[in-house]
Amino acid sequence: NFALGAVDDPELTAAVSRDLARQL
């Protein structure tokens, strides 16, 4: 999370969590 917050691009954050959801 801290890395995603450092980038501060909510669309990137959503893409990362969507990719995690794919795996789970």
PDBML (XML) file of the C-alpha atoms, coordinates in Angstrom:
<?xml version="1.0" encoding="UTF-8" ?>
<PDBx:datablock datablockName="MODEL"
   xmlns:PDBx="http://pdbml.pdb.org/schema/pdbx-v50.xsd"
   xmlns:xsi="http://www.w3.org/2001/XMLSchema-instance"
   xsi:schemaLocation="http://pdbml.pdb.org/schema/pdbx-v50.xsd pdbx-v50.xsd">
   <PDBx:atom_siteCategory>
      <PDBx:atom_site id="1">
         <PDBx:B_iso_or_equiv>0.00</PDBx:B_iso_or_equiv>
         <PDBx:Cartn_x>0.000</PDBx:Cartn_x>
         <PDBx:Cartn_y>0.000</PDBx:Cartn_y>
         <PDBx:Cartn_z>0.000</PDBx:Cartn_z>
         <PDBx:auth_asym_id>A</PDBx:auth_asym_id>
         <PDBx:auth_atom_id>CA</PDBx:auth_atom_id>
         <PDBx:auth_comp_id>ASN</PDBx:auth_comp_id>
         <PDBx:auth_seq_id>1</PDBx:auth_seq_id>
         <PDBx:group_PDB>ATOM</PDBx:group_PDB>
         <PDBx:label_alt_id xsi:nil="true" />
         <PDBx:label_asym_id>A</PDBx:label_asym_id>
         <PDBx:label_atom_id>CA</PDBx:label_atom_id>
         <PDBx:label_comp_id>ASN</PDBx:label_comp_id>
         <PDBx:label_entity_id>1</PDBx:label_entity_id>
         <PDBx:label_seq_id>1</PDBx:label_seq_id>
         <PDBx:occupancy>1.00</PDBx:occupancy>
         <PDBx:pdbx_PDB_model_num>1</PDBx:pdbx_PDB_model_num>
         <PDBx:type_symbol>C</PDBx:type_symbol>
      </PDBx:atom_site>
      <PDBx:atom_site id="2">
         <PDBx:B_iso_or_equiv>0.00</PDBx:B_iso_or_equiv>
         <PDBx:Cartn_x>2.657</PDBx:Cartn_x>
         <PDBx:Cartn_y>2.577</PDBx:Cartn_y>
         <PDBx:Cartn_z>0.881</PDBx:Cartn_z>
         <PDBx:auth_asym_id>A</PDBx:auth_asym_id>
         <PDBx:auth_atom_id>CA</PDBx:auth_atom_id>
         <PDBx:auth_comp_id>PHE</PDBx:auth_comp_id>
         <PDBx:auth_seq_id>2</PDBx:auth_seq_id>
         <PDBx:group_PDB>ATOM</PDBx:group_PDB>
         <PDBx:label_alt_id xsi:nil="true" />
         <PDBx:label_asym_id>A</PDBx:label_asym_id>
         <PDBx:label_atom_id>CA</PDBx:label_atom_id>
         <PDBx:label_comp_id>PHE</PDBx:label_comp_id>
         <PDBx:label_entity_id>1</PDBx:label_entity_id>
         <PDBx:label_seq_id>2</PDBx:label_seq_id>
         <PDBx:occupancy>1.00</PDBx:occupancy>
         <PDBx:pdbx_PDB_model_num>1</PDBx:pdbx_PDB_model_num>
         <PDBx:type_symbol>C</PDBx:type_symbol>
      </PDBx:atom_site>
      <PDBx:atom_site id="3">
         <PDBx:B_iso_or_equiv>0.00</PDBx:B_iso_or_equiv>
         <PDBx:Cartn_x>4.257</PDBx:Cartn_x>
         <PDBx:Cartn_y>2.155</PDBx:Cartn_y>
         <PDBx:Cartn_z>-2.527</PDBx:Cartn_z>
         <PDBx:auth_asym_id>A</PDBx:auth_asym_id>
         <PDBx:auth_atom_id>CA</PDBx:auth_atom_id>
         <PDBx:auth_comp_id>ALA</PDBx:auth_comp_id>
         <PDBx:auth_seq_id>3</PDBx:auth_seq_id>
         <PDBx:group_PDB>ATOM</PDBx:group_PDB>
         <PDBx:label_alt_id xsi:nil="true" />
         <PDBx:label_asym_id>A</PDBx:label_asym_id>
         <PDBx:label_atom_id>CA</PDBx:label_atom_id>
         <PDBx:label_comp_id>ALA</PDBx:label_comp_id>
         <PDBx:label_entity_id>1</PDBx:label_entity_id>
         <PDBx:label_seq_id>3</PDBx:label_seq_id>
         <PDBx:occupancy>1.00</PDBx:occupancy>
         <PDBx:pdbx_PDB_model_num>1</PDBx:pdbx_PDB_model_num>
         <PDBx:type_symbol>C</PDBx:type_symbol>
      </PDBx:atom_site>
      <PDBx:atom_site id="4">
         <PDBx:B_iso_or_equiv>0.00</PDBx:B_iso_or_equiv>
         <PDBx:Cartn_x>0.896</PDBx:Cartn_x>
         <PDBx:Cartn_y>2.621</PDBx:Cartn_y>
         <PDBx:Cartn_z>-4.241</PDBx:Cartn_z>
         <PDBx:auth_asym_id>A</PDBx:auth_asym_id>
         <PDBx:auth_atom_id>CA</PDBx:auth_atom_id>
         <PDBx:auth_comp_id>LEU</PDBx:auth_comp_id>
         <PDBx:auth_seq_id>4</PDBx:auth_seq_id>
         <PDBx:group_PDB>ATOM</PDBx:group_PDB>
         <PDBx:label_alt_id xsi:nil="true" />
         <PDBx:label_asym_id>A</PDBx:label_asym_id>
         <PDBx:label_atom_id>CA</PDBx:label_atom_id>
         <PDBx:label_comp_id>LEU</PDBx:label_comp_id>
         <PDBx:label_entity_id>1</PDBx:label_entity_id>
         <PDBx:label_seq_id>4</PDBx:label_seq_id>
         <PDBx:occupancy>1.00</PDBx:occupancy>
         <PDBx:pdbx_PDB_model_num>1</PDBx:pdbx_PDB_model_num>
         <PDBx:type_symbol>C</PDBx:type_symbol>
      </PDBx:atom_site>
      <PDBx:atom_site id="5">
         <PDBx:B_iso_or_equiv>0.00</PDBx:B_iso_or_equiv>
         <PDBx:Cartn_x>0.237</PDBx:Cartn_x>
         <PDBx:Cartn_y>5.693</PDBx:Cartn_y>
         <PDBx:Cartn_z>-2.138</PDBx:Cartn_z>
         <PDBx:auth_asym_id>A</PDBx:auth_asym_id>
         <PDBx:auth_atom_id>CA</PDBx:auth_atom_id>
         <PDBx:auth_comp_id>GLY</PDBx:auth_comp_id>
         <PDBx:auth_seq_id>5</PDBx:auth_seq_id>
         <PDBx:group_PDB>ATOM</PDBx:group_PDB>
         <PDBx:label_alt_id xsi:nil="true" />
         <PDBx:label_asym_id>A</PDBx:label_asym_id>
         <PDBx:label_atom_id>CA</PDBx:label_atom_id>
         <PDBx:label_comp_id>GLY</PDBx:label_comp_id>
         <PDBx:label_entity_id>1</PDBx:label_entity_id>
         <PDBx:label_seq_id>5</PDBx:label_seq_id>
         <PDBx:occupancy>1.00</PDBx:occupancy>
         <PDBx:pdbx_PDB_model_num>1</PDBx:pdbx_PDB_model_num>
         <PDBx:type_symbol>C</PDBx:type_symbol>
      </PDBx:atom_site>
      <PDBx:atom_site id="6">
         <PDBx:B_iso_or_equiv>0.00</PDBx:B_iso_or_equiv>
         <PDBx:Cartn_x>3.665</PDBx:Cartn_x>
         <PDBx:Cartn_y>7.081</PDBx:Cartn_y>
         <PDBx:Cartn_z>-3.084</PDBx:Cartn_z>
         <PDBx:auth_asym_id>A</PDBx:auth_asym_id>
         <PDBx:auth_atom_id>CA</PDBx:auth_atom_id>
         <PDBx:auth_comp_id>ALA</PDBx:auth_comp_id>
         <PDBx:auth_seq_id>6</PDBx:auth_seq_id>
         <PDBx:group_PDB>ATOM</PDBx:group_PDB>
         <PDBx:label_alt_id xsi:nil="true" />
         <PDBx:label_asym_id>A</PDBx:label_asym_id>
         <PDBx:label_atom_id>CA</PDBx:label_atom_id>
         <PDBx:label_comp_id>ALA</PDBx:label_comp_id>
         <PDBx:label_entity_id>1</PDBx:label_entity_id>
         <PDBx:label_seq_id>6</PDBx:label_seq_id>
         <PDBx:occupancy>1.00</PDBx:occupancy>
         <PDBx:pdbx_PDB_model_num>1</PDBx:pdbx_PDB_model_num>
         <PDBx:type_symbol>C</PDBx:type_symbol>
      </PDBx:atom_site>
      <PDBx:atom_site id="7">
         <PDBx:B_iso_or_equiv>0.00</PDBx:B_iso_or_equiv>
         <PDBx:Cartn_x>2.811</PDBx:Cartn_x>
         <PDBx:Cartn_y>6.777</PDBx:Cartn_y>
         <PDBx:Cartn_z>-6.783</PDBx:Cartn_z>
         <PDBx:auth_asym_id>A</PDBx:auth_asym_id>
         <PDBx:auth_atom_id>CA</PDBx:auth_atom_id>
         <PDBx:auth_comp_id>VAL</PDBx:auth_comp_id>
         <PDBx:auth_seq_id>7</PDBx:auth_seq_id>
         <PDBx:group_PDB>ATOM</PDBx:group_PDB>
         <PDBx:label_alt_id xsi:nil="true" />
         <PDBx:label_asym_id>A</PDBx:label_asym_id>
         <PDBx:label_atom_id>CA</PDBx:label_atom_id>
         <PDBx:label_comp_id>VAL</PDBx:label_comp_id>
         <PDBx:label_entity_id>1</PDBx:label_entity_id>
         <PDBx:label_seq_id>7</PDBx:label_seq_id>
         <PDBx:occupancy>1.00</PDBx:occupancy>
         <PDBx:pdbx_PDB_model_num>1</PDBx:pdbx_PDB_model_num>
         <PDBx:type_symbol>C</PDBx:type_symbol>
      </PDBx:atom_site>
      <PDBx:atom_site id="8">
         <PDBx:B_iso_or_equiv>0.00</PDBx:B_iso_or_equiv>
         <PDBx:Cartn_x>-0.599</PDBx:Cartn_x>
         <PDBx:Cartn_y>8.286</PDBx:Cartn_y>
         <PDBx:Cartn_z>-5.956</PDBx:Cartn_z>
         <PDBx:auth_asym_id>A</PDBx:auth_asym_id>
         <PDBx:auth_atom_id>CA</PDBx:auth_atom_id>
         <PDBx:auth_comp_id>ASP</PDBx:auth_comp_id>
         <PDBx:auth_seq_id>8</PDBx:auth_seq_id>
         <PDBx:group_PDB>ATOM</PDBx:group_PDB>
         <PDBx:label_alt_id xsi:nil="true" />
         <PDBx:label_asym_id>A</PDBx:label_asym_id>
         <PDBx:label_atom_id>CA</PDBx:label_atom_id>
         <PDBx:label_comp_id>ASP</PDBx:label_comp_id>
         <PDBx:label_entity_id>1</PDBx:label_entity_id>
         <PDBx:label_seq_id>8</PDBx:label_seq_id>
         <PDBx:occupancy>1.00</PDBx:occupancy>
         <PDBx:pdbx_PDB_model_num>1</PDBx:pdbx_PDB_model_num>
         <PDBx:type_symbol>C</PDBx:type_symbol>
      </PDBx:atom_site>
      <PDBx:atom_site id="9">
         <PDBx:B_iso_or_equiv>0.00</PDBx:B_iso_or_equiv>
         <PDBx:Cartn_x>-2.366</PDBx:Cartn_x>
         <PDBx:Cartn_y>7.020</PDBx:Cartn_y>
         <PDBx:Cartn_z>-9.064</PDBx:Cartn_z>
         <PDBx:auth_asym_id>A</PDBx:auth_asym_id>
         <PDBx:auth_atom_id>CA</PDBx:auth_atom_id>
         <PDBx:auth_comp_id>ASP</PDBx:auth_comp_id>
         <PDBx:auth_seq_id>9</PDBx:auth_seq_id>
         <PDBx:group_PDB>ATOM</PDBx:group_PDB>
         <PDBx:label_alt_id xsi:nil="true" />
         <PDBx:label_asym_id>A</PDBx:label_asym_id>
         <PDBx:label_atom_id>CA</PDBx:label_atom_id>
         <PDBx:label_comp_id>ASP</PDBx:label_comp_id>
         <PDBx:label_entity_id>1</PDBx:label_entity_id>
         <PDBx:label_seq_id>9</PDBx:label_seq_id>
         <PDBx:occupancy>1.00</PDBx:occupancy>
         <PDBx:pdbx_PDB_model_num>1</PDBx:pdbx_PDB_model_num>
         <PDBx:type_symbol>C</PDBx:type_symbol>
      </PDBx:atom_site>
      <PDBx:atom_site id="10">
         <PDBx:B_iso_or_equiv>0.00</PDBx:B_iso_or_equiv>
         <PDBx:Cartn_x>-5.723</PDBx:Cartn_x>
         <PDBx:Cartn_y>5.545</PDBx:Cartn_y>
         <PDBx:Cartn_z>-7.945</PDBx:Cartn_z>
         <PDBx:auth_asym_id>A</PDBx:auth_asym_id>
         <PDBx:auth_atom_id>CA</PDBx:auth_atom_id>
         <PDBx:auth_comp_id>PRO</PDBx:auth_comp_id>
         <PDBx:auth_seq_id>10</PDBx:auth_seq_id>
         <PDBx:group_PDB>ATOM</PDBx:group_PDB>
         <PDBx:label_alt_id xsi:nil="true" />
         <PDBx:label_asym_id>A</PDBx:label_asym_id>
         <PDBx:label_atom_id>CA</PDBx:label_atom_id>
         <PDBx:label_comp_id>PRO</PDBx:label_comp_id>
         <PDBx:label_entity_id>1</PDBx:label_entity_id>
         <PDBx:label_seq_id>10</PDBx:label_seq_id>
         <PDBx:occupancy>1.00</PDBx:occupancy>
         <PDBx:pdbx_PDB_model_num>1</PDBx:pdbx_PDB_model_num>
         <PDBx:type_symbol>C</PDBx:type_symbol>
      </PDBx:atom_site>
      <PDBx:atom_site id="11">
         <PDBx:B_iso_or_equiv>0.00</PDBx:B_iso_or_equiv>
         <PDBx:Cartn_x>-6.184</PDBx:Cartn_x>
         <PDBx:Cartn_y>3.844</PDBx:Cartn_y>
         <PDBx:Cartn_z>-11.316</PDBx:Cartn_z>
         <PDBx:auth_asym_id>A</PDBx:auth_asym_id>
         <PDBx:auth_atom_id>CA</PDBx:auth_atom_id>
         <PDBx:auth_comp_id>GLU</PDBx:auth_comp_id>
         <PDBx:auth_seq_id>11</PDBx:auth_seq_id>
         <PDBx:group_PDB>ATOM</PDBx:group_PDB>
         <PDBx:label_alt_id xsi:nil="true" />
         <PDBx:label_asym_id>A</PDBx:label_asym_id>
         <PDBx:label_atom_id>CA</PDBx:label_atom_id>
         <PDBx:label_comp_id>GLU</PDBx:label_comp_id>
         <PDBx:label_entity_id>1</PDBx:label_entity_id>
         <PDBx:label_seq_id>11</PDBx:label_seq_id>
         <PDBx:occupancy>1.00</PDBx:occupancy>
         <PDBx:pdbx_PDB_model_num>1</PDBx:pdbx_PDB_model_num>
         <PDBx:type_symbol>C</PDBx:type_symbol>
      </PDBx:atom_site>
      <PDBx:atom_site id="12">
         <PDBx:B_iso_or_equiv>0.00</PDBx:B_iso_or_equiv>
         <PDBx:Cartn_x>-2.902</PDBx:Cartn_x>
         <PDBx:Cartn_y>2.004</PDBx:Cartn_y>
         <PDBx:Cartn_z>-10.803</PDBx:Cartn_z>
         <PDBx:auth_asym_id>A</PDBx:auth_asym_id>
         <PDBx:auth_atom_id>CA</PDBx:auth_atom_id>
         <PDBx:auth_comp_id>LEU</PDBx:auth_comp_id>
         <PDBx:auth_seq_id>12</PDBx:auth_seq_id>
         <PDBx:group_PDB>ATOM</PDBx:group_PDB>
         <PDBx:label_alt_id xsi:nil="true" />
         <PDBx:label_asym_id>A</PDBx:label_asym_id>
         <PDBx:label_atom_id>CA</PDBx:label_atom_id>
         <PDBx:label_comp_id>LEU</PDBx:label_comp_id>
         <PDBx:label_entity_id>1</PDBx:label_entity_id>
         <PDBx:label_seq_id>12</PDBx:label_seq_id>
         <PDBx:occupancy>1.00</PDBx:occupancy>
         <PDBx:pdbx_PDB_model_num>1</PDBx:pdbx_PDB_model_num>
         <PDBx:type_symbol>C</PDBx:type_symbol>
      </PDBx:atom_site>
      <PDBx:atom_site id="13">
         <PDBx:B_iso_or_equiv>0.00</PDBx:B_iso_or_equiv>
         <PDBx:Cartn_x>-4.019</PDBx:Cartn_x>
         <PDBx:Cartn_y>1.005</PDBx:Cartn_y>
         <PDBx:Cartn_z>-7.310</PDBx:Cartn_z>
         <PDBx:auth_asym_id>A</PDBx:auth_asym_id>
         <PDBx:auth_atom_id>CA</PDBx:auth_atom_id>
         <PDBx:auth_comp_id>THR</PDBx:auth_comp_id>
         <PDBx:auth_seq_id>13</PDBx:auth_seq_id>
         <PDBx:group_PDB>ATOM</PDBx:group_PDB>
         <PDBx:label_alt_id xsi:nil="true" />
         <PDBx:label_asym_id>A</PDBx:label_asym_id>
         <PDBx:label_atom_id>CA</PDBx:label_atom_id>
         <PDBx:label_comp_id>THR</PDBx:label_comp_id>
         <PDBx:label_entity_id>1</PDBx:label_entity_id>
         <PDBx:label_seq_id>13</PDBx:label_seq_id>
         <PDBx:occupancy>1.00</PDBx:occupancy>
         <PDBx:pdbx_PDB_model_num>1</PDBx:pdbx_PDB_model_num>
         <PDBx:type_symbol>C</PDBx:type_symbol>
      </PDBx:atom_site>
      <PDBx:atom_site id="14">
         <PDBx:B_iso_or_equiv>0.00</PDBx:B_iso_or_equiv>
         <PDBx:Cartn_x>-7.281</PDBx:Cartn_x>
         <PDBx:Cartn_y>-0.350</PDBx:Cartn_y>
         <PDBx:Cartn_z>-8.725</PDBx:Cartn_z>
         <PDBx:auth_asym_id>A</PDBx:auth_asym_id>
         <PDBx:auth_atom_id>CA</PDBx:auth_atom_id>
         <PDBx:auth_comp_id>ALA</PDBx:auth_comp_id>
         <PDBx:auth_seq_id>14</PDBx:auth_seq_id>
         <PDBx:group_PDB>ATOM</PDBx:group_PDB>
         <PDBx:label_alt_id xsi:nil="true" />
         <PDBx:label_asym_id>A</PDBx:label_asym_id>
         <PDBx:label_atom_id>CA</PDBx:label_atom_id>
         <PDBx:label_comp_id>ALA</PDBx:label_comp_id>
         <PDBx:label_entity_id>1</PDBx:label_entity_id>
         <PDBx:label_seq_id>14</PDBx:label_seq_id>
         <PDBx:occupancy>1.00</PDBx:occupancy>
         <PDBx:pdbx_PDB_model_num>1</PDBx:pdbx_PDB_model_num>
         <PDBx:type_symbol>C</PDBx:type_symbol>
      </PDBx:atom_site>
      <PDBx:atom_site id="15">
         <PDBx:B_iso_or_equiv>0.00</PDBx:B_iso_or_equiv>
         <PDBx:Cartn_x>-5.387</PDBx:Cartn_x>
         <PDBx:Cartn_y>-2.257</PDBx:Cartn_y>
         <PDBx:Cartn_z>-11.427</PDBx:Cartn_z>
         <PDBx:auth_asym_id>A</PDBx:auth_asym_id>
         <PDBx:auth_atom_id>CA</PDBx:auth_atom_id>
         <PDBx:auth_comp_id>ALA</PDBx:auth_comp_id>
         <PDBx:auth_seq_id>15</PDBx:auth_seq_id>
         <PDBx:group_PDB>ATOM</PDBx:group_PDB>
         <PDBx:label_alt_id xsi:nil="true" />
         <PDBx:label_asym_id>A</PDBx:label_asym_id>
         <PDBx:label_atom_id>CA</PDBx:label_atom_id>
         <PDBx:label_comp_id>ALA</PDBx:label_comp_id>
         <PDBx:label_entity_id>1</PDBx:label_entity_id>
         <PDBx:label_seq_id>15</PDBx:label_seq_id>
         <PDBx:occupancy>1.00</PDBx:occupancy>
         <PDBx:pdbx_PDB_model_num>1</PDBx:pdbx_PDB_model_num>
         <PDBx:type_symbol>C</PDBx:type_symbol>
      </PDBx:atom_site>
      <PDBx:atom_site id="16">
         <PDBx:B_iso_or_equiv>0.00</PDBx:B_iso_or_equiv>
         <PDBx:Cartn_x>-3.090</PDBx:Cartn_x>
         <PDBx:Cartn_y>-3.866</PDBx:Cartn_y>
         <PDBx:Cartn_z>-8.846</PDBx:Cartn_z>
         <PDBx:auth_asym_id>A</PDBx:auth_asym_id>
         <PDBx:auth_atom_id>CA</PDBx:auth_atom_id>
         <PDBx:auth_comp_id>VAL</PDBx:auth_comp_id>
         <PDBx:auth_seq_id>16</PDBx:auth_seq_id>
         <PDBx:group_PDB>ATOM</PDBx:group_PDB>
         <PDBx:label_alt_id xsi:nil="true" />
         <PDBx:label_asym_id>A</PDBx:label_asym_id>
         <PDBx:label_atom_id>CA</PDBx:label_atom_id>
         <PDBx:label_comp_id>VAL</PDBx:label_comp_id>
         <PDBx:label_entity_id>1</PDBx:label_entity_id>
         <PDBx:label_seq_id>16</PDBx:label_seq_id>
         <PDBx:occupancy>1.00</PDBx:occupancy>
         <PDBx:pdbx_PDB_model_num>1</PDBx:pdbx_PDB_model_num>
         <PDBx:type_symbol>C</PDBx:type_symbol>
      </PDBx:atom_site>
      <PDBx:atom_site id="17">
         <PDBx:B_iso_or_equiv>0.00</PDBx:B_iso_or_equiv>
         <PDBx:Cartn_x>-5.970</PDBx:Cartn_x>
         <PDBx:Cartn_y>-4.940</PDBx:Cartn_y>
         <PDBx:Cartn_z>-6.604</PDBx:Cartn_z>
         <PDBx:auth_asym_id>A</PDBx:auth_asym_id>
         <PDBx:auth_atom_id>CA</PDBx:auth_atom_id>
         <PDBx:auth_comp_id>SER</PDBx:auth_comp_id>
         <PDBx:auth_seq_id>17</PDBx:auth_seq_id>
         <PDBx:group_PDB>ATOM</PDBx:group_PDB>
         <PDBx:label_alt_id xsi:nil="true" />
         <PDBx:label_asym_id>A</PDBx:label_asym_id>
         <PDBx:label_atom_id>CA</PDBx:label_atom_id>
         <PDBx:label_comp_id>SER</PDBx:label_comp_id>
         <PDBx:label_entity_id>1</PDBx:label_entity_id>
         <PDBx:label_seq_id>17</PDBx:label_seq_id>
         <PDBx:occupancy>1.00</PDBx:occupancy>
         <PDBx:pdbx_PDB_model_num>1</PDBx:pdbx_PDB_model_num>
         <PDBx:type_symbol>C</PDBx:type_symbol>
      </PDBx:atom_site>
      <PDBx:atom_site id="18">
         <PDBx:B_iso_or_equiv>0.00</PDBx:B_iso_or_equiv>
         <PDBx:Cartn_x>-7.901</PDBx:Cartn_x>
         <PDBx:Cartn_y>-6.201</PDBx:Cartn_y>
         <PDBx:Cartn_z>-9.629</PDBx:Cartn_z>
         <PDBx:auth_asym_id>A</PDBx:auth_asym_id>
         <PDBx:auth_atom_id>CA</PDBx:auth_atom_id>
         <PDBx:auth_comp_id>ARG</PDBx:auth_comp_id>
         <PDBx:auth_seq_id>18</PDBx:auth_seq_id>
         <PDBx:group_PDB>ATOM</PDBx:group_PDB>
         <PDBx:label_alt_id xsi:nil="true" />
         <PDBx:label_asym_id>A</PDBx:label_asym_id>
         <PDBx:label_atom_id>CA</PDBx:label_atom_id>
         <PDBx:label_comp_id>ARG</PDBx:label_comp_id>
         <PDBx:label_entity_id>1</PDBx:label_entity_id>
         <PDBx:label_seq_id>18</PDBx:label_seq_id>
         <PDBx:occupancy>1.00</PDBx:occupancy>
         <PDBx:pdbx_PDB_model_num>1</PDBx:pdbx_PDB_model_num>
         <PDBx:type_symbol>C</PDBx:type_symbol>
      </PDBx:atom_site>
      <PDBx:atom_site id="19">
         <PDBx:B_iso_or_equiv>0.00</PDBx:B_iso_or_equiv>
         <PDBx:Cartn_x>-4.889</PDBx:Cartn_x>
         <PDBx:Cartn_y>-8.338</PDBx:Cartn_y>
         <PDBx:Cartn_z>-10.557</PDBx:Cartn_z>
         <PDBx:auth_asym_id>A</PDBx:auth_asym_id>
         <PDBx:auth_atom_id>CA</PDBx:auth_atom_id>
         <PDBx:auth_comp_id>ASP</PDBx:auth_comp_id>
         <PDBx:auth_seq_id>19</PDBx:auth_seq_id>
         <PDBx:group_PDB>ATOM</PDBx:group_PDB>
         <PDBx:label_alt_id xsi:nil="true" />
         <PDBx:label_asym_id>A</PDBx:label_asym_id>
         <PDBx:label_atom_id>CA</PDBx:label_atom_id>
         <PDBx:label_comp_id>ASP</PDBx:label_comp_id>
         <PDBx:label_entity_id>1</PDBx:label_entity_id>
         <PDBx:label_seq_id>19</PDBx:label_seq_id>
         <PDBx:occupancy>1.00</PDBx:occupancy>
         <PDBx:pdbx_PDB_model_num>1</PDBx:pdbx_PDB_model_num>
         <PDBx:type_symbol>C</PDBx:type_symbol>
      </PDBx:atom_site>
      <PDBx:atom_site id="20">
         <PDBx:B_iso_or_equiv>0.00</PDBx:B_iso_or_equiv>
         <PDBx:Cartn_x>-4.786</PDBx:Cartn_x>
         <PDBx:Cartn_y>-9.687</PDBx:Cartn_y>
         <PDBx:Cartn_z>-7.005</PDBx:Cartn_z>
         <PDBx:auth_asym_id>A</PDBx:auth_asym_id>
         <PDBx:auth_atom_id>CA</PDBx:auth_atom_id>
         <PDBx:auth_comp_id>LEU</PDBx:auth_comp_id>
         <PDBx:auth_seq_id>20</PDBx:auth_seq_id>
         <PDBx:group_PDB>ATOM</PDBx:group_PDB>
         <PDBx:label_alt_id xsi:nil="true" />
         <PDBx:label_asym_id>A</PDBx:label_asym_id>
         <PDBx:label_atom_id>CA</PDBx:label_atom_id>
         <PDBx:label_comp_id>LEU</PDBx:label_comp_id>
         <PDBx:label_entity_id>1</PDBx:label_entity_id>
         <PDBx:label_seq_id>20</PDBx:label_seq_id>
         <PDBx:occupancy>1.00</PDBx:occupancy>
         <PDBx:pdbx_PDB_model_num>1</PDBx:pdbx_PDB_model_num>
         <PDBx:type_symbol>C</PDBx:type_symbol>
      </PDBx:atom_site>
      <PDBx:atom_site id="21">
         <PDBx:B_iso_or_equiv>0.00</PDBx:B_iso_or_equiv>
         <PDBx:Cartn_x>-8.490</PDBx:Cartn_x>
         <PDBx:Cartn_y>-10.493</PDBx:Cartn_y>
         <PDBx:Cartn_z>-7.247</PDBx:Cartn_z>
         <PDBx:auth_asym_id>A</PDBx:auth_asym_id>
         <PDBx:auth_atom_id>CA</PDBx:auth_atom_id>
         <PDBx:auth_comp_id>ALA</PDBx:auth_comp_id>
         <PDBx:auth_seq_id>21</PDBx:auth_seq_id>
         <PDBx:group_PDB>ATOM</PDBx:group_PDB>
         <PDBx:label_alt_id xsi:nil="true" />
         <PDBx:label_asym_id>A</PDBx:label_asym_id>
         <PDBx:label_atom_id>CA</PDBx:label_atom_id>
         <PDBx:label_comp_id>ALA</PDBx:label_comp_id>
         <PDBx:label_entity_id>1</PDBx:label_entity_id>
         <PDBx:label_seq_id>21</PDBx:label_seq_id>
         <PDBx:occupancy>1.00</PDBx:occupancy>
         <PDBx:pdbx_PDB_model_num>1</PDBx:pdbx_PDB_model_num>
         <PDBx:type_symbol>C</PDBx:type_symbol>
      </PDBx:atom_site>
      <PDBx:atom_site id="22">
         <PDBx:B_iso_or_equiv>0.00</PDBx:B_iso_or_equiv>
         <PDBx:Cartn_x>-7.812</PDBx:Cartn_x>
         <PDBx:Cartn_y>-12.443</PDBx:Cartn_y>
         <PDBx:Cartn_z>-10.429</PDBx:Cartn_z>
         <PDBx:auth_asym_id>A</PDBx:auth_asym_id>
         <PDBx:auth_atom_id>CA</PDBx:auth_atom_id>
         <PDBx:auth_comp_id>ARG</PDBx:auth_comp_id>
         <PDBx:auth_seq_id>22</PDBx:auth_seq_id>
         <PDBx:group_PDB>ATOM</PDBx:group_PDB>
         <PDBx:label_alt_id xsi:nil="true" />
         <PDBx:label_asym_id>A</PDBx:label_asym_id>
         <PDBx:label_atom_id>CA</PDBx:label_atom_id>
         <PDBx:label_comp_id>ARG</PDBx:label_comp_id>
         <PDBx:label_entity_id>1</PDBx:label_entity_id>
         <PDBx:label_seq_id>22</PDBx:label_seq_id>
         <PDBx:occupancy>1.00</PDBx:occupancy>
         <PDBx:pdbx_PDB_model_num>1</PDBx:pdbx_PDB_model_num>
         <PDBx:type_symbol>C</PDBx:type_symbol>
      </PDBx:atom_site>
      <PDBx:atom_site id="23">
         <PDBx:B_iso_or_equiv>0.00</PDBx:B_iso_or_equiv>
         <PDBx:Cartn_x>-5.326</PDBx:Cartn_x>
         <PDBx:Cartn_y>-14.613</PDBx:Cartn_y>
         <PDBx:Cartn_z>-8.544</PDBx:Cartn_z>
         <PDBx:auth_asym_id>A</PDBx:auth_asym_id>
         <PDBx:auth_atom_id>CA</PDBx:auth_atom_id>
         <PDBx:auth_comp_id>GLN</PDBx:auth_comp_id>
         <PDBx:auth_seq_id>23</PDBx:auth_seq_id>
         <PDBx:group_PDB>ATOM</PDBx:group_PDB>
         <PDBx:label_alt_id xsi:nil="true" />
         <PDBx:label_asym_id>A</PDBx:label_asym_id>
         <PDBx:label_atom_id>CA</PDBx:label_atom_id>
         <PDBx:label_comp_id>GLN</PDBx:label_comp_id>
         <PDBx:label_entity_id>1</PDBx:label_entity_id>
         <PDBx:label_seq_id>23</PDBx:label_seq_id>
         <PDBx:occupancy>1.00</PDBx:occupancy>
         <PDBx:pdbx_PDB_model_num>1</PDBx:pdbx_PDB_model_num>
         <PDBx:type_symbol>C</PDBx:type_symbol>
      </PDBx:atom_site>
      <PDBx:atom_site id="24">
         <PDBx:B_iso_or_equiv>0.00</PDBx:B_iso_or_equiv>
         <PDBx:Cartn_x>-7.530</PDBx:Cartn_x>
         <PDBx:Cartn_y>-15.071</PDBx:Cartn_y>
         <PDBx:Cartn_z>-5.473</PDBx:Cartn_z>
         <PDBx:auth_asym_id>A</PDBx:auth_asym_id>
         <PDBx:auth_atom_id>CA</PDBx:auth_atom_id>
         <PDBx:auth_comp_id>LEU</PDBx:auth_comp_id>
         <PDBx:auth_seq_id>24</PDBx:auth_seq_id>
         <PDBx:group_PDB>ATOM</PDBx:group_PDB>
         <PDBx:label_alt_id xsi:nil="true" />
         <PDBx:label_asym_id>A</PDBx:label_asym_id>
         <PDBx:label_atom_id>CA</PDBx:label_atom_id>
         <PDBx:label_comp_id>LEU</PDBx:label_comp_id>
         <PDBx:label_entity_id>1</PDBx:label_entity_id>
         <PDBx:label_seq_id>24</PDBx:label_seq_id>
         <PDBx:occupancy>1.00</PDBx:occupancy>
         <PDBx:pdbx_PDB_model_num>1</PDBx:pdbx_PDB_model_num>
         <PDBx:type_symbol>C</PDBx:type_symbol>
      </PDBx:atom_site>
   </PDBx:atom_siteCategory>
</PDBx:datablock>
